């Protein structure tokens, strides 16, 4: 695991990240043109060690300023490898750069299919339970990567009953169903009365909220609930299973369902309340991310999937995102964790980073960046709740932390952690110890929060999320700042570079090669 140490990786990495950031923003918004012969791009693929012989150009996208983004699709023996794509940017007056590579190594030549197309379509329709079609389906051979590759029929079935465009992968040798999903979903909206973000913020202080009351209802805790909508619940069922969240309940997770999707009468003493909270706040966060311009339809989605979240998963006063299962589990010790939106959104912050960089968080510095971003994301989403102030936002976990947080007289409440620290990185590492990633993480959350206030909420949130595409698994503080600078260069032409450098170098003591 990477240990905390000296910062500064030189300018080459910063240039690479700047190129990646520019391509990320521009290539996803520019219209595709006719495919040209990308000689320099092909040469770059070979130099980078990509399987150039398997990559076929599929798009040439001109960008303002004269650069061209070339997109390639991986094919083996003429068969498309699912999700095997590469992007190269070829700027005017500069060498081309490989900015994205999801090609798969060691894909073997596929065997001849034993299953015919018509049989595959029938198998796909049976697996979905199609009763009536609303158009002609289609099927094409493809290679599902992994273990040398598997030949499949990729079948798309436009079904009228059940309604949807169902994509089904059928093993072209055995006829078994490999995967199925609905490409077009319709949704329902549920309703409940919940906390947004938590009772302490809504009440304005800790008066009559200094303890959990053993998970019982009180007049005040019931009164502090707010009516909310639960959007994006998938049609055809009546449970908390939506486009971006699937909230379950208990040690052996079970569904939370109601036929009319109205949970008005559920109070905090019921575990269903925490499942409703998890569904609402995760969906709210993803809708905000979508509004910032990140989605799978734009090919830059960030956790744009159904996130499984389990409320009251265990009795400890703890919660976590599991990289192995990619689900979030919330504990019920003390104040049930999922009664506090800060906890819900902090853990969703880990899911966000894992979606951008799989298995992110190796080493003390990356771990601190991860914890700091989780706190920052909770603060950012708190600022979008009705009627909140700065003290509400930077005080993290004020309801969950009523029994373990530190009392802050100026805030008239306890804070589990804060996003308004004035310490430098060296001061935090000296007082906390480099191994305390939660404590050191307060420096990162506080630096990001300062910049958000200076640059503006939506603009800076977009910069932060863009920068995390350029992280490595064992990201370091100086590299994370370089990524911020590169993302700002891509989104604003570098208008905020001075503010980023001043905050990170002068206020936080993080030496960065890309800063003056």
Protein backbone atom coordinates (compact mmCIF):
# COMPACT_ATOMS: atom_id res chain seq x y z
CA UNK A 1 0.00 0.00 0.00
CA UNK A 2 1.23 3.52 -0.78
CA UNK A 3 2.39 5.51 2.24
CA UNK A 4 2.20 9.25 2.77
CA UNK A 5 5.40 10.90 1.56
CA UNK A 6 6.86 13.69 -0.55
CA UNK A 7 4.65 15.28 -3.15
CA UNK A 8 5.39 16.36 -6.74
CA UNK A 9 5.41 14.08 -9.77
CA UNK A 10 6.59 16.59 -12.41
CA UNK A 11 4.84 18.16 -15.33
CA UNK A 12 4.54 15.14 -17.67
CA UNK A 13 1.71 13.62 -15.68
CA UNK A 14 -0.02 17.00 -15.45
CA UNK A 15 0.13 17.36 -19.24
CA UNK A 16 -1.30 13.87 -19.66
CA UNK A 17 -4.14 14.64 -17.25
CA UNK A 18 -4.86 17.93 -18.99
CA UNK A 19 -5.17 16.12 -22.31
CA UNK A 20 -7.45 13.54 -20.75
CA UNK A 21 -9.63 16.22 -19.16
CA UNK A 22 -9.98 18.15 -22.40
CA UNK A 23 -10.91 15.04 -24.33
CA UNK A 24 -13.34 13.95 -21.62
CA UNK A 25 -15.33 17.19 -21.78
CA UNK A 26 -15.16 17.87 -25.51
CA UNK A 27 -15.33 14.39 -27.01
CA UNK A 28 -18.53 13.59 -25.18
CA UNK A 29 -20.34 16.66 -26.48
CA UNK A 30 -19.10 17.08 -30.05
CA UNK A 31 -21.11 15.54 -32.93
CA UNK A 32 -19.58 12.58 -34.73
CA UNK A 33 -18.37 13.02 -38.30
CA UNK A 34 -17.44 10.57 -41.02
CA UNK A 35 -14.61 8.19 -40.08
CA UNK A 36 -11.25 9.30 -41.51
CA UNK A 37 -7.97 7.38 -41.68
CA UNK A 38 -6.29 8.23 -38.37
CA UNK A 39 -2.66 7.42 -39.20
CA UNK A 40 -1.14 9.30 -36.27
CA UNK A 41 -3.78 7.92 -33.92
CA UNK A 42 -3.08 4.36 -35.08
CA UNK A 43 0.62 4.91 -34.53
CA UNK A 44 -0.14 6.13 -31.00
CA UNK A 45 -2.11 2.95 -30.30
CA UNK A 46 0.84 0.80 -31.31
CA UNK A 47 3.25 2.87 -29.24
CA UNK A 48 0.95 2.60 -26.21
CA UNK A 49 0.75 -1.19 -26.45
CA UNK A 50 -2.96 -1.32 -27.27
CA UNK A 51 -4.10 -4.25 -29.46
CA UNK A 52 -4.00 -2.02 -32.55
CA UNK A 53 -4.60 -4.91 -34.96
CA UNK A 54 -7.98 -5.56 -33.32
CA UNK A 55 -9.11 -1.92 -33.15
CA UNK A 56 -11.22 -0.58 -36.00
CA UNK A 57 -11.99 3.16 -36.34
CA UNK A 58 -15.67 3.91 -35.85
CA UNK A 59 -15.78 7.70 -35.44
CA UNK A 60 -13.69 10.81 -36.05
CA UNK A 61 -14.98 13.71 -33.94
CA UNK A 62 -13.65 17.21 -34.78
CA UNK A 63 -13.29 19.54 -31.81
CA UNK A 64 -13.15 23.34 -31.68
CA UNK A 65 -9.54 24.39 -32.19
CA UNK A 66 -8.70 21.72 -34.74
CA UNK A 67 -8.18 18.61 -32.61
CA UNK A 68 -9.83 15.34 -33.61
CA UNK A 69 -10.96 12.54 -31.29
CA UNK A 70 -10.76 9.11 -32.90
CA UNK A 71 -12.84 6.31 -31.44
CA UNK A 72 -12.03 2.66 -32.07
CA UNK A 73 -14.01 -0.52 -31.50
CA UNK A 74 -12.24 -3.77 -30.67
CA UNK A 75 -13.08 -6.70 -32.95
CA UNK A 76 -11.62 -10.20 -32.99
CA UNK A 77 -12.07 -12.16 -36.22
CA UNK A 78 -14.59 -9.49 -37.20
CA UNK A 79 -16.73 -9.96 -34.06
CA UNK A 80 -17.30 -6.97 -31.78
CA UNK A 81 -15.91 -7.20 -28.24
CA UNK A 82 -18.53 -5.80 -25.88
CA UNK A 83 -17.39 -2.54 -24.26
CA UNK A 84 -13.97 -2.83 -25.96
CA UNK A 85 -13.37 0.78 -26.99
CA UNK A 86 -10.44 3.17 -27.29
CA UNK A 87 -10.27 6.96 -27.73
CA UNK A 88 -7.27 8.92 -29.03
CA UNK A 89 -7.09 12.72 -29.24
CA UNK A 90 -5.00 14.13 -32.08
CA UNK A 91 -4.51 17.85 -31.37
CA UNK A 92 -3.27 20.33 -33.94
CA UNK A 93 0.44 21.00 -33.44
CA UNK A 94 0.92 18.42 -30.69
CA UNK A 95 1.43 14.63 -30.48
CA UNK A 96 -1.65 12.41 -30.22
CA UNK A 97 -2.59 11.06 -26.81
CA UNK A 98 -4.38 7.89 -25.71
CA UNK A 99 -7.11 9.12 -23.35
CA UNK A 100 -9.34 6.09 -22.85
CA UNK A 101 -8.76 2.40 -23.34
CA UNK A 102 -11.29 -0.26 -22.38
CA UNK A 103 -9.98 -2.81 -24.88
CA UNK A 104 -9.54 -6.28 -23.46
CA UNK A 105 -6.27 -8.23 -23.77
CA UNK A 106 -5.91 -11.89 -24.69
CA UNK A 107 -9.27 -12.33 -26.40
CA UNK A 108 -9.17 -15.63 -28.27
CA UNK A 109 -10.59 -16.14 -31.75
CA UNK A 110 -14.23 -17.09 -31.26
CA UNK A 111 -15.49 -20.52 -32.27
CA UNK A 112 -18.30 -21.02 -34.76
CA UNK A 113 -21.69 -20.55 -33.02
CA UNK A 114 -23.64 -23.72 -32.30
CA UNK A 115 -26.81 -21.73 -31.77
CA UNK A 116 -28.54 -20.02 -34.68
CA UNK A 117 -29.86 -16.48 -34.64
CA UNK A 118 -33.54 -17.46 -34.63
CA UNK A 119 -33.03 -19.84 -31.71
CA UNK A 120 -31.18 -17.13 -29.80
CA UNK A 121 -34.03 -14.67 -30.32
CA UNK A 122 -36.54 -17.25 -29.09
CA UNK A 123 -34.43 -17.98 -26.01
CA UNK A 124 -34.12 -14.26 -25.26
CA UNK A 125 -37.86 -13.71 -25.60
CA UNK A 126 -38.60 -16.64 -23.26
CA UNK A 127 -36.16 -15.32 -20.65
CA UNK A 128 -37.94 -11.97 -20.61
CA UNK A 129 -41.42 -13.49 -20.66
CA UNK A 130 -42.50 -11.65 -23.81
CA UNK A 131 -46.23 -11.99 -24.50
CA UNK A 132 -46.47 -9.50 -27.35
CA UNK A 133 -43.92 -7.65 -29.50
CA UNK A 134 -44.16 -4.03 -30.65
CA UNK A 135 -41.53 -4.29 -33.39
CA UNK A 136 -38.87 -6.50 -34.95
CA UNK A 137 -35.99 -7.53 -32.75
CA UNK A 138 -32.46 -8.12 -33.88
CA UNK A 139 -29.47 -10.26 -32.92
CA UNK A 140 -25.74 -9.96 -33.60
CA UNK A 141 -22.79 -12.03 -32.57
CA UNK A 142 -20.48 -10.42 -30.02
CA UNK A 143 -17.74 -11.41 -27.60
CA UNK A 144 -18.38 -11.01 -23.90
CA UNK A 145 -14.85 -10.45 -22.46
CA UNK A 146 -13.35 -12.34 -19.57
CA UNK A 147 -11.46 -15.64 -19.38
CA UNK A 148 -10.39 -15.32 -23.00
CA UNK A 149 -13.83 -14.21 -24.18
CA UNK A 150 -17.19 -15.89 -24.71
CA UNK A 151 -19.14 -15.82 -27.96
CA UNK A 152 -22.70 -14.59 -27.41
CA UNK A 153 -25.70 -13.47 -29.35
CA UNK A 154 -26.59 -9.91 -28.35
CA UNK A 155 -30.36 -9.88 -28.77
CA UNK A 156 -32.57 -6.77 -28.46
CA UNK A 157 -36.30 -7.49 -28.12
CA UNK A 158 -38.82 -4.59 -28.39
CA UNK A 159 -41.59 -5.94 -26.19
CA UNK A 160 -45.10 -4.56 -25.71
CA UNK A 161 -45.90 -6.87 -22.79
CA UNK A 162 -43.92 -6.50 -20.61
CA UNK A 163 -43.08 -3.05 -21.90
CA UNK A 164 -39.45 -2.40 -22.72
CA UNK A 165 -36.49 -2.86 -25.03
CA UNK A 166 -34.81 -5.90 -23.53
CA UNK A 167 -31.15 -6.61 -24.25
CA UNK A 168 -30.32 -10.27 -23.64
CA UNK A 169 -26.94 -11.95 -24.08
CA UNK A 170 -27.32 -15.61 -25.08
CA UNK A 171 -24.33 -17.95 -24.99
CA UNK A 172 -23.81 -18.93 -28.63
CA UNK A 173 -22.53 -22.36 -27.61
CA UNK A 174 -24.77 -23.48 -24.73
CA UNK A 175 -27.84 -21.31 -25.27
CA UNK A 176 -27.78 -20.10 -21.66
CA UNK A 177 -28.72 -16.56 -20.64
CA UNK A 178 -25.58 -14.59 -19.76
CA UNK A 179 -27.23 -11.24 -18.96
CA UNK A 180 -30.44 -9.34 -19.52
CA UNK A 181 -31.52 -5.75 -18.94
CA UNK A 182 -34.22 -3.32 -19.99
CA UNK A 183 -32.76 -0.52 -22.09
CA UNK A 184 -35.82 1.71 -21.83
CA UNK A 185 -37.50 2.00 -18.49
CA UNK A 186 -40.68 3.73 -17.42
CA UNK A 187 -40.98 4.76 -13.81
CA UNK A 188 -43.39 5.44 -10.98
CA UNK A 189 -43.18 7.94 -8.13
CA UNK A 190 -43.61 7.05 -4.48
CA UNK A 191 -44.25 9.36 -1.54
CA UNK A 192 -43.17 9.49 2.09
CA UNK A 193 -42.33 11.88 4.93
CA UNK A 194 -38.60 11.83 5.70
CA UNK A 195 -35.69 13.89 7.06
CA UNK A 196 -33.91 16.21 4.65
CA UNK A 197 -31.14 16.19 5.66
CA UNK A 198 -31.62 15.27 9.37
CA UNK A 199 -33.57 16.31 12.49
CA UNK A 200 -30.82 18.49 14.03
CA UNK A 201 -30.50 20.63 10.90
CA UNK A 202 -34.25 20.95 10.49
CA UNK A 203 -34.72 21.87 14.17
CA UNK A 204 -31.75 24.26 14.15
CA UNK A 205 -30.13 22.89 17.31
CA UNK A 206 -29.92 19.86 19.63
CA UNK A 207 -32.73 20.91 21.97
CA UNK A 208 -34.72 17.71 22.71
CA UNK A 209 -32.47 15.89 20.23
CA UNK A 210 -29.56 14.97 22.48
CA UNK A 211 -30.24 11.25 22.41
CA UNK A 212 -31.69 8.54 20.24
CA UNK A 213 -34.65 7.66 22.55
CA UNK A 214 -33.86 4.00 21.75
CA UNK A 215 -35.23 4.40 18.22
CA UNK A 216 -38.67 5.36 19.55
CA UNK A 217 -40.89 8.02 18.04
CA UNK A 218 -41.28 11.38 19.75
CA UNK A 219 -43.63 14.21 18.87
CA UNK A 220 -40.68 16.32 17.72
CA UNK A 221 -39.04 13.61 15.60
CA UNK A 222 -42.36 12.89 13.94
CA UNK A 223 -43.06 16.58 13.36
CA UNK A 224 -39.66 17.15 11.71
CA UNK A 225 -40.41 14.82 8.82
CA UNK A 226 -40.90 16.53 5.47
CA UNK A 227 -43.07 15.32 2.57
CA UNK A 228 -40.93 14.09 -0.30
CA UNK A 229 -41.34 12.29 -3.60
CA UNK A 230 -39.56 9.03 -4.38
CA UNK A 231 -38.99 9.25 -8.16
CA UNK A 232 -37.68 6.74 -10.69
CA UNK A 233 -39.25 3.62 -9.14
CA UNK A 234 -39.35 1.04 -11.90
CA UNK A 235 -42.75 0.34 -13.35
CA UNK A 236 -44.38 -3.03 -12.96
CA UNK A 237 -43.47 -3.48 -9.29
CA UNK A 238 -44.21 -1.80 -5.98
CA UNK A 239 -40.90 -1.93 -4.10
CA UNK A 240 -38.05 0.55 -3.52
CA UNK A 241 -36.29 -0.51 -6.68
CA UNK A 242 -35.53 2.38 -9.00
CA UNK A 243 -33.27 3.55 -11.75
CA UNK A 244 -30.50 4.68 -9.41
CA UNK A 245 -31.27 3.06 -6.05
CA UNK A 246 -32.54 -0.27 -4.78
CA UNK A 247 -33.16 0.03 -1.06
CA UNK A 248 -33.47 -3.14 0.98
CA UNK A 249 -33.78 -3.90 4.66
CA UNK A 250 -32.23 -6.19 7.25
CA UNK A 251 -29.39 -8.63 7.86
CA UNK A 252 -30.88 -10.94 5.26
CA UNK A 253 -31.92 -8.15 2.88
CA UNK A 254 -35.60 -8.09 2.02
CA UNK A 255 -37.64 -5.82 -0.21
CA UNK A 256 -39.56 -2.78 1.04
CA UNK A 257 -42.86 -2.69 -0.85
CA UNK A 258 -46.27 -1.07 -0.87
CA UNK A 259 -48.74 -1.43 -3.70
CA UNK A 260 -49.62 2.26 -4.04
CA UNK A 261 -46.04 3.40 -3.22
CA UNK A 262 -47.36 5.73 -0.51
CA UNK A 263 -45.43 5.42 2.76
CA UNK A 264 -46.90 8.53 4.41
CA UNK A 265 -47.46 6.87 7.78
CA UNK A 266 -43.96 5.38 8.27
CA UNK A 267 -42.15 7.01 11.21
CA UNK A 268 -38.52 6.76 12.28
CA UNK A 269 -39.18 3.93 14.75
CA UNK A 270 -39.79 1.59 11.80
CA UNK A 271 -36.77 0.22 9.94
CA UNK A 272 -38.59 0.88 6.68
CA UNK A 273 -38.02 4.58 7.40
CA UNK A 274 -34.25 4.13 6.94
CA UNK A 275 -34.72 2.25 3.68
CA UNK A 276 -36.93 5.07 2.40
CA UNK A 277 -34.28 7.59 3.46
CA UNK A 278 -31.55 5.69 1.60
CA UNK A 279 -33.66 5.48 -1.56
CA UNK A 280 -34.59 9.16 -1.48
CA UNK A 281 -31.14 10.62 -0.83
CA UNK A 282 -29.20 8.38 -3.22
CA UNK A 283 -31.71 9.14 -5.98
CA UNK A 284 -31.55 12.85 -5.15
CA UNK A 285 -27.74 12.79 -5.39
CA UNK A 286 -27.71 10.97 -8.73
CA UNK A 287 -30.28 13.36 -10.18
CA UNK A 288 -27.94 16.21 -9.26
CA UNK A 289 -25.00 14.40 -10.89
CA UNK A 290 -27.09 13.92 -14.03
CA UNK A 291 -27.94 17.62 -13.98
CA UNK A 292 -24.22 18.44 -13.95
CA UNK A 293 -23.85 16.64 -17.28
CA UNK A 294 -22.68 13.17 -16.24
CA UNK A 295 -24.73 10.23 -17.52
CA UNK A 296 -24.33 6.95 -19.33
CA UNK A 297 -26.16 8.41 -22.32
CA UNK A 298 -23.31 10.94 -22.60
CA UNK A 299 -20.77 8.16 -22.04
CA UNK A 300 -19.46 9.83 -18.87
CA UNK A 301 -21.84 8.38 -16.29
CA UNK A 302 -20.82 8.33 -12.61
CA UNK A 303 -22.47 5.46 -10.75
CA UNK A 304 -25.30 5.75 -13.29
CA UNK A 305 -26.74 2.41 -12.26
CA UNK A 306 -28.99 0.92 -9.63
CA UNK A 307 -27.09 1.24 -6.36
CA UNK A 308 -28.09 -1.41 -3.83
CA UNK A 309 -28.35 0.06 -0.31
CA UNK A 310 -29.29 -2.03 2.72
CA UNK A 311 -30.69 -0.27 5.79
CA UNK A 312 -30.39 -1.85 9.26
CA UNK A 313 -27.98 -4.37 7.75
CA UNK A 314 -26.30 -4.98 11.13
CA UNK A 315 -26.48 -3.69 14.70
CA UNK A 316 -23.15 -1.84 14.90
CA UNK A 317 -22.96 1.96 14.78
CA UNK A 318 -21.14 1.90 11.46
CA UNK A 319 -21.79 1.91 7.72
CA UNK A 320 -19.71 1.11 4.66
CA UNK A 321 -19.56 0.79 0.89
CA UNK A 322 -18.30 -2.65 -0.13
CA UNK A 323 -16.07 -2.55 -3.24
CA UNK A 324 -16.43 -6.33 -3.58
CA UNK A 325 -20.24 -6.39 -3.72
CA UNK A 326 -20.59 -2.71 -4.77
CA UNK A 327 -23.44 -2.25 -2.31
CA UNK A 328 -23.82 0.06 0.69
CA UNK A 329 -24.76 -1.28 4.12
CA UNK A 330 -25.98 0.97 6.94
CA UNK A 331 -25.86 -0.03 10.60
CA UNK A 332 -28.50 0.48 13.28
CA UNK A 333 -26.33 1.00 16.39
CA UNK A 334 -26.94 4.26 18.25
CA UNK A 335 -28.93 6.52 15.93
CA UNK A 336 -29.77 4.36 12.94
CA UNK A 337 -27.20 5.54 10.39
CA UNK A 338 -29.65 5.87 7.52
CA UNK A 339 -31.72 8.37 9.52
CA UNK A 340 -28.98 10.90 8.76
CA UNK A 341 -28.59 11.95 5.11
CA UNK A 342 -24.95 12.84 5.81
CA UNK A 343 -24.17 9.17 6.46
CA UNK A 344 -26.15 8.01 3.44
CA UNK A 345 -24.39 10.47 1.14
CA UNK A 346 -20.92 10.00 2.60
CA UNK A 347 -21.09 6.29 1.79
CA UNK A 348 -22.53 7.09 -1.63
CA UNK A 349 -19.42 9.24 -2.14
CA UNK A 350 -17.35 6.06 -1.91
CA UNK A 351 -19.61 4.42 -4.48
CA UNK A 352 -19.10 7.41 -6.77
CA UNK A 353 -15.32 7.16 -6.60
CA UNK A 354 -15.37 3.39 -7.08
CA UNK A 355 -17.53 3.90 -10.19
CA UNK A 356 -14.97 6.36 -11.57
CA UNK A 357 -11.86 4.39 -10.57
CA UNK A 358 -12.55 0.76 -9.72
CA UNK A 359 -11.05 -0.28 -6.36
CA UNK A 360 -10.08 3.31 -5.55
CA UNK A 361 -8.52 4.00 -2.14
CA UNK A 362 -5.26 2.09 -1.74
CA UNK A 363 -2.86 3.74 0.71
CA UNK A 364 -3.16 6.46 3.32
CA UNK A 365 -3.32 9.41 0.97
CA UNK A 366 -5.91 7.85 -1.35
CA UNK A 367 -7.86 6.71 1.71
CA UNK A 368 -7.84 10.25 3.12
CA UNK A 369 -8.93 11.68 -0.24
CA UNK A 370 -11.77 9.16 -0.30
CA UNK A 371 -12.98 10.00 3.21
CA UNK A 372 -12.60 13.71 2.53
CA UNK A 373 -14.62 13.52 -0.66
CA UNK A 374 -17.35 11.54 1.13
CA UNK A 375 -17.64 14.31 3.72
CA UNK A 376 -17.52 16.97 1.01
CA UNK A 377 -20.29 15.24 -0.93
CA UNK A 378 -22.46 15.09 2.20
CA UNK A 379 -21.87 18.82 2.76
CA UNK A 380 -22.59 19.66 -0.89
CA UNK A 381 -25.87 17.77 -0.86
CA UNK A 382 -26.81 19.29 2.51
CA UNK A 383 -26.45 22.72 0.90
CA UNK A 384 -29.13 21.66 -1.59
CA UNK A 385 -31.62 20.74 1.14
CA UNK A 386 -34.29 23.36 1.93
CA UNK A 387 -33.25 26.20 4.24
CA UNK A 388 -29.77 25.04 5.22
CA UNK A 389 -26.91 27.35 6.21
CA UNK A 390 -23.13 26.98 6.12
CA UNK A 391 -22.99 25.58 9.65
CA UNK A 392 -25.55 22.94 8.70
CA UNK A 393 -23.46 21.91 5.70
CA UNK A 394 -19.94 21.78 7.17
CA UNK A 395 -21.07 19.99 10.34
CA UNK A 396 -21.12 16.36 9.19
CA UNK A 397 -23.21 13.63 10.91
CA UNK A 398 -24.87 15.94 13.46
CA UNK A 399 -27.80 13.55 14.06
CA UNK A 400 -25.86 10.29 13.88
CA UNK A 401 -23.17 11.87 16.07
CA UNK A 402 -25.40 13.01 18.98
CA UNK A 403 -23.79 10.35 21.18
CA UNK A 404 -20.20 10.46 19.89
CA UNK A 405 -19.53 13.76 18.10
CA UNK A 406 -17.78 16.86 19.46
CA UNK A 407 -19.94 19.76 20.62
CA UNK A 408 -19.35 22.98 18.67
CA UNK A 409 -20.74 25.95 20.65
CA UNK A 410 -20.91 28.21 17.58
CA UNK A 411 -23.04 25.60 15.82
CA UNK A 412 -25.09 24.66 18.94
CA UNK A 413 -24.70 20.97 18.11
CA UNK A 414 -22.27 18.07 17.92
CA UNK A 415 -20.40 17.32 14.72
CA UNK A 416 -19.08 13.88 13.85
CA UNK A 417 -16.60 15.56 11.52
CA UNK A 418 -16.24 19.00 9.96
CA UNK A 419 -15.49 20.42 6.53
CA UNK A 420 -14.19 23.79 7.71
CA UNK A 421 -10.76 22.95 9.11
CA UNK A 422 -8.03 25.55 8.63
CA UNK A 423 -5.11 23.15 9.14
CA UNK A 424 -2.43 22.33 6.60
CA UNK A 425 -1.86 18.76 5.51
CA UNK A 426 1.33 18.56 7.59
CA UNK A 427 -0.46 19.84 10.69
CA UNK A 428 -3.25 17.30 10.26
CA UNK A 429 -0.84 14.42 9.75
CA UNK A 430 1.11 15.49 12.83
CA UNK A 431 -1.96 15.80 15.08
CA UNK A 432 -4.01 12.90 13.69
CA UNK A 433 -1.29 10.55 12.47
CA UNK A 434 -0.96 9.66 8.81
CA UNK A 435 -2.92 6.44 9.36
CA UNK A 436 -6.09 8.23 10.53
CA UNK A 437 -7.62 8.71 7.10
CA UNK A 438 -10.88 10.10 8.48
CA UNK A 439 -9.11 12.86 10.42
CA UNK A 440 -6.63 13.71 7.65
CA UNK A 441 -9.53 13.57 5.21
CA UNK A 442 -10.98 16.68 6.89
CA UNK A 443 -8.19 18.68 5.22
CA UNK A 444 -9.31 17.53 1.77
CA UNK A 445 -13.02 18.10 2.43
CA UNK A 446 -12.28 21.55 3.88
CA UNK A 447 -10.07 22.55 0.94
CA UNK A 448 -12.73 21.45 -1.53
CA UNK A 449 -15.41 23.28 0.45
CA UNK A 450 -13.39 26.52 0.45
CA UNK A 451 -12.99 26.27 -3.32
CA UNK A 452 -16.68 25.51 -3.78
CA UNK A 453 -17.58 28.71 -1.96
CA UNK A 454 -15.11 30.73 -4.04
CA UNK A 455 -15.74 29.23 -7.49
CA UNK A 456 -19.43 28.43 -7.17
CA UNK A 457 -21.33 25.24 -6.27
CA UNK A 458 -22.32 23.75 -9.63
CA UNK A 459 -19.17 24.77 -11.45
CA UNK A 460 -16.85 23.41 -8.80
CA UNK A 461 -18.85 20.22 -8.23
CA UNK A 462 -18.49 19.58 -11.96
CA UNK A 463 -14.73 20.17 -11.71
CA UNK A 464 -14.35 17.82 -8.73
CA UNK A 465 -16.31 15.02 -10.37
CA UNK A 466 -14.45 15.47 -13.67
CA UNK A 467 -11.09 15.38 -11.88
CA UNK A 468 -11.81 12.02 -10.27
CA UNK A 469 -11.86 10.33 -13.68
CA UNK A 470 -8.11 11.05 -13.70
CA UNK A 471 -7.34 9.43 -10.35
CA UNK A 472 -5.30 6.29 -9.88
CA UNK A 473 -6.16 3.62 -7.33
CA UNK A 474 -3.43 4.88 -4.98
CA UNK A 475 -3.96 8.60 -5.68
CA UNK A 476 -1.78 11.13 -3.85
CA UNK A 477 -2.72 14.62 -2.72
CA UNK A 478 -0.47 16.42 -5.21
CA UNK A 479 -1.79 14.32 -8.09
CA UNK A 480 -5.38 14.97 -7.01
CA UNK A 481 -4.67 18.71 -7.15
CA UNK A 482 -3.14 18.27 -10.62
CA UNK A 483 -6.35 16.53 -11.65
CA UNK A 484 -8.39 19.50 -10.34
CA UNK A 485 -6.24 21.89 -12.37
CA UNK A 486 -6.61 19.75 -15.51
CA UNK A 487 -10.39 19.48 -15.05
CA UNK A 488 -10.65 23.24 -14.55
CA UNK A 489 -8.57 23.84 -17.67
CA UNK A 490 -11.00 21.66 -19.64
CA UNK A 491 -14.17 23.25 -18.27
CA UNK A 492 -13.21 26.93 -17.89
CA UNK A 493 -9.95 27.37 -19.78
CA UNK A 494 -8.06 27.48 -16.49
CA UNK A 495 -9.97 30.42 -15.03
CA UNK A 496 -9.83 28.93 -11.52
CA UNK A 497 -6.27 27.61 -11.59
CA UNK A 498 -4.99 30.44 -9.39
CA UNK A 499 -7.67 29.83 -6.76
CA UNK A 500 -6.96 26.09 -6.74
CA UNK A 501 -3.21 26.64 -6.37
CA UNK A 502 -3.66 29.25 -3.64
CA UNK A 503 -5.95 26.97 -1.62
CA UNK A 504 -3.89 23.84 -2.02
CA UNK A 505 -0.33 25.21 -1.86
CA UNK A 506 -0.66 28.26 0.38
CA UNK A 507 -3.51 27.21 2.68
CA UNK A 508 -2.96 23.44 2.77
CA UNK A 509 0.78 23.10 2.14
CA UNK A 510 0.44 20.64 -0.75
CA UNK A 511 3.31 21.27 -3.17
CA UNK A 512 2.08 20.95 -6.76
CA UNK A 513 4.31 21.03 -9.85
CA UNK A 514 1.55 22.60 -11.95
CA UNK A 515 1.26 25.65 -9.67
CA UNK A 516 3.48 28.75 -9.92
